[in-house]
Amino acid sequence: MSNPTQRFHEQFKICPIVAILRGLSPDDAEWVGATLFESGVRIIEVPLNSPFPLKSIEILRKTLPVEAIIGAGTVTQQADVSAVANAGGEIVVSPNTDPEVIRETVAQDLISAPGCLTPTEAFAALNAGAHALKIFPASVIGSSGIKAIHATLPDTATLIAVGGVGASNMADFIEVGVAGFGLGSSLFYPGISQSDLAARAITNVKSAQAATEHS
């Protein structure tokens, strides 16, 4: 099996969405993960401010096929990286740029996707070894702001727009250099039905794939 970084780029190219399951409980982890996977989503993060997030990560990793990439979001402490790895997580997503968290993630052979909003943060993240940059909150600077930042970055930088992104504006972000999207409440919320989750996932997957195919 290829390493996590290679698998991340392979799966993100197929479906450029990271599902953000804020508030997911372990009791719902198996069916939520299966529904998302069946709908085409391949990358899933459970924010660490969810109830018993490491347990949910463990369940998702054990019950989903190897193609799926599972990990944690809202990772702000270096010590949390080991806990995510021990639960079977492969990707570490943060709301901020913390070089220590990034370097620890890379050292443990996990995928690092820190949050950033300025060129200064973006370059600090890349210099620390980040594999992808989470532009957050994307709605604050919009596509024009991301276009300006993207122009300063290496061509190899992978940008993920998060915050205020949905099927209606994906194409706008793709046009300015974004590679894909992190979707939270527009995809999942605690208490959502399986049918609603499937419908939201299918709609967003189709929109994301269409936007990237026409870029």
C-alpha atoms as a PDB file:
ATOM      1  CA  MET A   1       0.000   0.000   0.000  1.00  0.00           C
ATOM      2  CA  SER A   2       1.303   3.478  -0.895  1.00  0.00           C
ATOM      3  CA  ASN A   3       2.243   5.896   1.868  1.00  0.00           C
ATOM      4  CA  PRO A   4      -0.392   8.231   3.364  1.00  0.00           C
ATOM      5  CA  THR A   5       0.821  11.319   1.494  1.00  0.00           C
ATOM      6  CA  GLN A   6       0.698   9.595  -1.885  1.00  0.00           C
ATOM      7  CA  ARG A   7      -2.727   8.120  -1.091  1.00  0.00           C
ATOM      8  CA  PHE A   8      -3.996  11.517   0.006  1.00  0.00           C
ATOM      9  CA  HIS A   9      -3.082  13.163  -3.279  1.00  0.00           C
ATOM     10  CA  GLU A  10      -4.471  10.211  -5.253  1.00  0.00           C
ATOM     11  CA  GLN A  11      -7.804  10.197  -3.439  1.00  0.00           C
ATOM     12  CA  PHE A  12      -8.103  13.994  -3.288  1.00  0.00           C
ATOM     13  CA  LYS A  13      -7.700  14.128  -7.052  1.00  0.00           C
ATOM     14  CA  ILE A  14     -10.517  11.599  -7.481  1.00  0.00           C
ATOM     15  CA  CYS A  15     -12.808  13.414  -5.029  1.00  0.00           C
ATOM     16  CA  PRO A  16     -11.541  16.851  -3.951  1.00  0.00           C
ATOM     17  CA  ILE A  17     -13.471  16.963  -0.681  1.00  0.00           C
ATOM     18  CA  VAL A  18     -12.475  16.617   2.951  1.00  0.00           C
ATOM     19  CA  ALA A  19     -15.538  15.832   5.069  1.00  0.00           C
ATOM     20  CA  ILE A  20     -15.448  17.675   8.399  1.00  0.00           C
ATOM     21  CA  LEU A  21     -17.562  15.719  10.868  1.00  0.00           C
ATOM     22  CA  ARG A  22     -17.789  18.178  13.745  1.00  0.00           C
ATOM     23  CA  GLY A  23     -19.916  16.793  16.548  1.00  0.00           C
ATOM     24  CA  LEU A  24     -19.795  13.193  15.324  1.00  0.00           C
ATOM     25  CA  SER A  25     -20.336  10.640  18.085  1.00  0.00           C
ATOM     26  CA  PRO A  26     -18.780   7.165  18.100  1.00  0.00           C
ATOM     27  CA  ASP A  27     -22.274   5.631  17.963  1.00  0.00           C
ATOM     28  CA  ASP A  28     -22.829   7.217  14.554  1.00  0.00           C
ATOM     29  CA  ALA A  29     -19.305   6.886  13.177  1.00  0.00           C
ATOM     30  CA  GLU A  30     -19.738   3.613  11.283  1.00  0.00           C
ATOM     31  CA  TRP A  31     -22.892   4.492   9.339  1.00  0.00           C
ATOM     32  CA  VAL A  32     -21.826   8.075   8.691  1.00  0.00           C
ATOM     33  CA  GLY A  33     -18.475   6.921   7.353  1.00  0.00           C
ATOM     34  CA  ALA A  34     -20.065   4.219   5.193  1.00  0.00           C
ATOM     35  CA  THR A  35     -22.629   6.651   3.770  1.00  0.00           C
ATOM     36  CA  LEU A  36     -19.962   9.185   2.859  1.00  0.00           C
ATOM     37  CA  PHE A  37     -17.712   6.557   1.297  1.00  0.00           C
ATOM     38  CA  GLU A  38     -20.569   5.100  -0.742  1.00  0.00           C
ATOM     39  CA  SER A  39     -21.365   8.635  -1.943  1.00  0.00           C
ATOM     40  CA  GLY A  40     -17.811   9.133  -3.187  1.00  0.00           C
ATOM     41  CA  VAL A  41     -16.094  10.908  -0.284  1.00  0.00           C
ATOM     42  CA  ARG A  42     -12.699   9.443   0.512  1.00  0.00           C
ATOM     43  CA  ILE A  43     -11.146  11.821   3.066  1.00  0.00           C
ATOM     44  CA  ILE A  44     -12.733  12.327   6.485  1.00  0.00           C
ATOM     45  CA  GLU A  45     -11.678  14.331   9.518  1.00  0.00           C
ATOM     46  CA  VAL A  46     -13.192  14.284  12.991  1.00  0.00           C
ATOM     47  CA  PRO A  47     -12.480  17.549  14.862  1.00  0.00           C
ATOM     48  CA  LEU A  48     -10.979  16.936  18.271  1.00  0.00           C
ATOM     49  CA  ASN A  49     -13.670  19.069  19.916  1.00  0.00           C
ATOM     50  CA  SER A  50     -16.235  16.409  18.988  1.00  0.00           C
ATOM     51  CA  PRO A  51     -17.394  13.878  21.619  1.00  0.00           C
ATOM     52  CA  PHE A  52     -14.791  11.099  22.017  1.00  0.00           C
ATOM     53  CA  PRO A  53     -13.147  11.950  18.673  1.00  0.00           C
ATOM     54  CA  LEU A  54     -10.339   9.416  18.896  1.00  0.00           C
ATOM     55  CA  LYS A  55     -12.857   6.609  19.318  1.00  0.00           C
ATOM     56  CA  SER A  56     -14.717   7.784  16.218  1.00  0.00           C
ATOM     57  CA  ILE A  57     -11.455   7.927  14.274  1.00  0.00           C
ATOM     58  CA  GLU A  58     -10.643   4.390  15.389  1.00  0.00           C
ATOM     59  CA  ILE A  59     -14.077   3.128  14.289  1.00  0.00           C
ATOM     60  CA  LEU A  60     -13.869   4.882  10.921  1.00  0.00           C
ATOM     61  CA  ARG A  61     -10.420   3.478  10.257  1.00  0.00           C
ATOM     62  CA  LYS A  62     -11.426  -0.066  11.155  1.00  0.00           C
ATOM     63  CA  THR A  63     -14.700  -0.096   9.225  1.00  0.00           C
ATOM     64  CA  LEU A  64     -13.849   1.772   6.005  1.00  0.00           C
ATOM     65  CA  PRO A  65     -11.807   0.430   3.067  1.00  0.00           C
ATOM     66  CA  VAL A  66      -8.096   1.212   2.842  1.00  0.00           C
ATOM     67  CA  GLU A  67      -8.791   3.819   0.150  1.00  0.00           C
ATOM     68  CA  ALA A  68     -10.373   6.043   2.788  1.00  0.00           C
ATOM     69  CA  ILE A  69      -8.119   8.501   4.586  1.00  0.00           C
ATOM     70  CA  ILE A  70      -9.187   9.192   8.156  1.00  0.00           C
ATOM     71  CA  GLY A  71      -7.856  11.772  10.549  1.00  0.00           C
ATOM     72  CA  ALA A  72      -8.481  14.599  12.972  1.00  0.00           C
ATOM     73  CA  GLY A  73      -9.346  18.255  12.706  1.00  0.00           C
ATOM     74  CA  THR A  74      -8.889  21.129  15.151  1.00  0.00           C
ATOM     75  CA  VAL A  75      -5.473  19.762  16.116  1.00  0.00           C
ATOM     76  CA  THR A  76      -3.743  22.608  17.941  1.00  0.00           C
ATOM     77  CA  GLN A  77      -1.347  20.798  20.275  1.00  0.00           C
ATOM     78  CA  GLN A  78       1.779  18.844  19.351  1.00  0.00           C
ATOM     79  CA  ALA A  79       0.876  16.137  21.877  1.00  0.00           C
ATOM     80  CA  ASP A  80      -2.384  15.434  20.059  1.00  0.00           C
ATOM     81  CA  VAL A  81      -0.567  14.215  16.952  1.00  0.00           C
ATOM     82  CA  SER A  82       0.553  10.980  18.622  1.00  0.00           C
ATOM     83  CA  ALA A  83      -2.943  10.369  19.949  1.00  0.00           C
ATOM     84  CA  VAL A  84      -4.371  10.743  16.441  1.00  0.00           C
ATOM     85  CA  ALA A  85      -1.745   8.380  15.038  1.00  0.00           C
ATOM     86  CA  ASN A  86      -2.425   5.798  17.744  1.00  0.00           C
ATOM     87  CA  ALA A  87      -6.130   5.882  16.857  1.00  0.00           C
ATOM     88  CA  GLY A  88      -5.307   5.056  13.250  1.00  0.00           C
ATOM     89  CA  GLY A  89      -5.527   8.591  11.913  1.00  0.00           C
ATOM     90  CA  GLU A  90      -3.505   9.531   8.858  1.00  0.00           C
ATOM     91  CA  ILE A  91      -4.268  13.211   8.362  1.00  0.00           C
ATOM     92  CA  VAL A  92      -3.902  16.092  10.823  1.00  0.00           C
ATOM     93  CA  VAL A  93      -5.876  19.262  10.088  1.00  0.00           C
ATOM     94  CA  SER A  94      -5.588  22.450  12.133  1.00  0.00           C
ATOM     95  CA  PRO A  95      -7.374  25.811  12.192  1.00  0.00           C
ATOM     96  CA  ASN A  96      -4.020  27.565  12.512  1.00  0.00           C
ATOM     97  CA  THR A  97      -0.383  27.457  11.430  1.00  0.00           C
ATOM     98  CA  ASP A  98       1.759  25.963  14.187  1.00  0.00           C
ATOM     99  CA  PRO A  99       5.184  24.825  12.892  1.00  0.00           C
ATOM    100  CA  GLU A 100       5.658  22.486  15.871  1.00  0.00           C
ATOM    101  CA  VAL A 101       2.399  20.643  15.143  1.00  0.00           C
ATOM    102  CA  ILE A 102       3.279  20.472  11.449  1.00  0.00           C
ATOM    103  CA  ARG A 103       6.773  19.115  12.046  1.00  0.00           C
ATOM    104  CA  GLU A 104       5.499  16.517  14.519  1.00  0.00           C
ATOM    105  CA  THR A 105       2.861  15.415  12.005  1.00  0.00           C
ATOM    106  CA  VAL A 106       5.462  15.020   9.263  1.00  0.00           C
ATOM    107  CA  ALA A 107       7.826  13.207  11.643  1.00  0.00           C
ATOM    108  CA  GLN A 108       5.113  10.633  12.327  1.00  0.00           C
ATOM    109  CA  ASP A 109       4.548  10.123   8.581  1.00  0.00           C
ATOM    110  CA  LEU A 110       1.066  11.635   8.675  1.00  0.00           C
ATOM    111  CA  ILE A 111      -0.479  14.144   6.280  1.00  0.00           C
ATOM    112  CA  SER A 112      -0.247  17.740   7.482  1.00  0.00           C
ATOM    113  CA  ALA A 113      -2.947  20.231   6.442  1.00  0.00           C
ATOM    114  CA  PRO A 114      -2.687  23.330   8.646  1.00  0.00           C
ATOM    115  CA  GLY A 115      -4.963  26.335   8.440  1.00  0.00           C
ATOM    116  CA  CYS A 116      -3.658  29.628   7.090  1.00  0.00           C
ATOM    117  CA  LEU A 117      -5.057  32.903   5.775  1.00  0.00           C
ATOM    118  CA  THR A 118      -2.037  34.979   4.785  1.00  0.00           C
ATOM    119  CA  PRO A 119       1.088  34.495   2.646  1.00  0.00           C
ATOM    120  CA  THR A 120       3.174  34.653   5.830  1.00  0.00           C
ATOM    121  CA  GLU A 121       1.269  31.748   7.371  1.00  0.00           C
ATOM    122  CA  ALA A 122       1.230  29.821   4.101  1.00  0.00           C
ATOM    123  CA  PHE A 123       4.999  29.977   3.681  1.00  0.00           C
ATOM    124  CA  ALA A 124       5.585  29.175   7.353  1.00  0.00           C
ATOM    125  CA  ALA A 125       3.423  26.068   6.915  1.00  0.00           C
ATOM    126  CA  LEU A 126       5.179  24.973   3.732  1.00  0.00           C
ATOM    127  CA  ASN A 127       8.608  25.549   5.250  1.00  0.00           C
ATOM    128  CA  ALA A 128       7.633  23.341   8.203  1.00  0.00           C
ATOM    129  CA  GLY A 129       6.689  20.549   5.775  1.00  0.00           C
ATOM    130  CA  ALA A 130       2.915  20.881   5.310  1.00  0.00           C
ATOM    131  CA  HIS A 131       1.484  18.703   2.541  1.00  0.00           C
ATOM    132  CA  ALA A 132      -1.581  20.893   1.929  1.00  0.00           C
ATOM    133  CA  LEU A 133      -2.776  24.326   3.022  1.00  0.00           C
ATOM    134  CA  LYS A 134      -6.226  24.791   4.495  1.00  0.00           C
ATOM    135  CA  ILE A 135      -7.311  28.307   3.530  1.00  0.00           C
ATOM    136  CA  PHE A 136      -9.569  29.175   6.453  1.00  0.00           C
ATOM    137  CA  PRO A 137     -11.952  30.864   6.659  1.00  0.00           C
ATOM    138  CA  ALA A 138     -12.103  31.067   2.865  1.00  0.00           C
ATOM    139  CA  SER A 139     -15.246  33.194   2.890  1.00  0.00           C
ATOM    140  CA  VAL A 140     -13.387  36.034   4.633  1.00  0.00           C
ATOM    141  CA  ILE A 141     -10.966  36.693   1.776  1.00  0.00           C
ATOM    142  CA  GLY A 142     -13.036  35.171  -1.005  1.00  0.00           C
ATOM    143  CA  SER A 143     -11.788  33.938  -4.347  1.00  0.00           C
ATOM    144  CA  SER A 144     -10.037  37.235  -5.120  1.00  0.00           C
ATOM    145  CA  GLY A 145      -7.992  37.041  -1.933  1.00  0.00           C
ATOM    146  CA  ILE A 146      -7.075  33.423  -2.542  1.00  0.00           C
ATOM    147  CA  LYS A 147      -6.052  34.291  -6.104  1.00  0.00           C
ATOM    148  CA  ALA A 148      -3.596  36.884  -4.754  1.00  0.00           C
ATOM    149  CA  ILE A 149      -2.131  34.440  -2.224  1.00  0.00           C
ATOM    150  CA  HIS A 150      -1.925  31.600  -4.745  1.00  0.00           C
ATOM    151  CA  ALA A 151       0.112  33.789  -7.085  1.00  0.00           C
ATOM    152  CA  THR A 152       2.888  33.979  -4.482  1.00  0.00           C
ATOM    153  CA  LEU A 153       3.057  30.255  -3.691  1.00  0.00           C
ATOM    154  CA  PRO A 154       4.970  27.412  -5.357  1.00  0.00           C
ATOM    155  CA  ASP A 155       3.058  25.640  -8.125  1.00  0.00           C
ATOM    156  CA  THR A 156       3.199  22.448  -6.056  1.00  0.00           C
ATOM    157  CA  ALA A 157       1.177  23.923  -3.160  1.00  0.00           C
ATOM    158  CA  THR A 158      -2.184  22.211  -2.622  1.00  0.00           C
ATOM    159  CA  LEU A 159      -4.859  24.644  -1.426  1.00  0.00           C
ATOM    160  CA  ILE A 160      -8.052  23.498   0.298  1.00  0.00           C
ATOM    161  CA  ALA A 161     -10.782  26.109   0.766  1.00  0.00           C
ATOM    162  CA  VAL A 162     -12.686  25.749   4.038  1.00  0.00           C
ATOM    163  CA  GLY A 163     -15.418  27.934   5.514  1.00  0.00           C
ATOM    164  CA  GLY A 164     -18.320  29.283   3.518  1.00  0.00           C
ATOM    165  CA  VAL A 165     -17.778  26.838   0.668  1.00  0.00           C
ATOM    166  CA  GLY A 166     -20.561  24.882  -0.997  1.00  0.00           C
ATOM    167  CA  ALA A 167     -21.789  23.531  -4.293  1.00  0.00           C
ATOM    168  CA  SER A 168     -22.823  27.010  -5.464  1.00  0.00           C
ATOM    169  CA  ASN A 169     -19.362  28.586  -5.321  1.00  0.00           C
ATOM    170  CA  MET A 170     -16.910  25.719  -5.813  1.00  0.00           C
ATOM    171  CA  ALA A 171     -16.141  26.693  -9.412  1.00  0.00           C
ATOM    172  CA  ASP A 172     -15.180  30.230  -8.326  1.00  0.00           C
ATOM    173  CA  PHE A 173     -12.554  28.856  -5.952  1.00  0.00           C
ATOM    174  CA  ILE A 174     -11.220  26.308  -8.427  1.00  0.00           C
ATOM    175  CA  GLU A 175     -10.664  29.092 -10.968  1.00  0.00           C
ATOM    176  CA  VAL A 176      -8.234  30.866  -8.626  1.00  0.00           C
ATOM    177  CA  GLY A 177      -6.074  27.836  -7.840  1.00  0.00           C
ATOM    178  CA  VAL A 178      -7.871  25.941  -5.103  1.00  0.00           C
ATOM    179  CA  ALA A 179      -7.510  22.170  -5.477  1.00  0.00           C
ATOM    180  CA  GLY A 180     -10.494  21.155  -3.366  1.00  0.00           C
ATOM    181  CA  PHE A 181     -12.676  21.829  -0.370  1.00  0.00           C
ATOM    182  CA  GLY A 182     -13.290  21.078   3.266  1.00  0.00           C
ATOM    183  CA  LEU A 183     -17.016  20.798   3.959  1.00  0.00           C
ATOM    184  CA  GLY A 184     -18.532  20.959   7.418  1.00  0.00           C
ATOM    185  CA  SER A 185     -22.127  21.934   8.179  1.00  0.00           C
ATOM    186  CA  SER A 186     -23.080  21.993   4.491  1.00  0.00           C
ATOM    187  CA  LEU A 187     -22.393  18.257   4.520  1.00  0.00           C
ATOM    188  CA  PHE A 188     -22.835  16.914   8.063  1.00  0.00           C
ATOM    189  CA  TYR A 189     -24.359  17.977  11.363  1.00  0.00           C
ATOM    190  CA  PRO A 190     -25.194  15.940  14.482  1.00  0.00           C
ATOM    191  CA  GLY A 191     -28.629  14.373  14.155  1.00  0.00           C
ATOM    192  CA  ILE A 192     -28.664  14.332  10.359  1.00  0.00           C
ATOM    193  CA  SER A 193     -30.539  11.456   8.758  1.00  0.00           C
ATOM    194  CA  GLN A 194     -28.764   8.928   6.577  1.00  0.00           C
ATOM    195  CA  SER A 195     -30.809   9.907   3.533  1.00  0.00           C
ATOM    196  CA  ASP A 196     -30.073  13.614   3.977  1.00  0.00           C
ATOM    197  CA  LEU A 197     -26.368  12.933   4.460  1.00  0.00           C
ATOM    198  CA  ALA A 198     -26.257  10.800   1.326  1.00  0.00           C
ATOM    199  CA  ALA A 199     -28.088  13.439  -0.712  1.00  0.00           C
ATOM    200  CA  ARG A 200     -25.794  16.233   0.506  1.00  0.00           C
ATOM    201  CA  ALA A 201     -22.698  14.140  -0.114  1.00  0.00           C
ATOM    202  CA  ILE A 202     -23.702  13.150  -3.640  1.00  0.00           C
ATOM    203  CA  THR A 203     -24.577  16.755  -4.562  1.00  0.00           C
ATOM    204  CA  ASN A 204     -21.300  18.127  -3.237  1.00  0.00           C
ATOM    205  CA  VAL A 205     -19.185  15.362  -4.748  1.00  0.00           C
ATOM    206  CA  LYS A 206     -20.719  15.925  -8.177  1.00  0.00           C
ATOM    207  CA  SER A 207     -20.240  19.695  -7.901  1.00  0.00           C
ATOM    208  CA  ALA A 208     -16.631  19.386  -6.748  1.00  0.00           C
ATOM    209  CA  GLN A 209     -15.726  16.896  -9.455  1.00  0.00           C
ATOM    210  CA  ALA A 210     -17.429  18.995 -12.137  1.00  0.00           C
ATOM    211  CA  ALA A 211     -15.612  22.128 -10.982  1.00  0.00           C
ATOM    212  CA  THR A 212     -12.195  20.475 -11.057  1.00  0.00           C
ATOM    213  CA  GLU A 213     -12.811  18.729 -14.371  1.00  0.00           C
ATOM    214  CA  HIS A 214     -13.543  22.069 -16.062  1.00  0.00           C
ATOM    215  CA  SER A 215     -10.619  23.905 -14.512  1.00  0.00           C
END
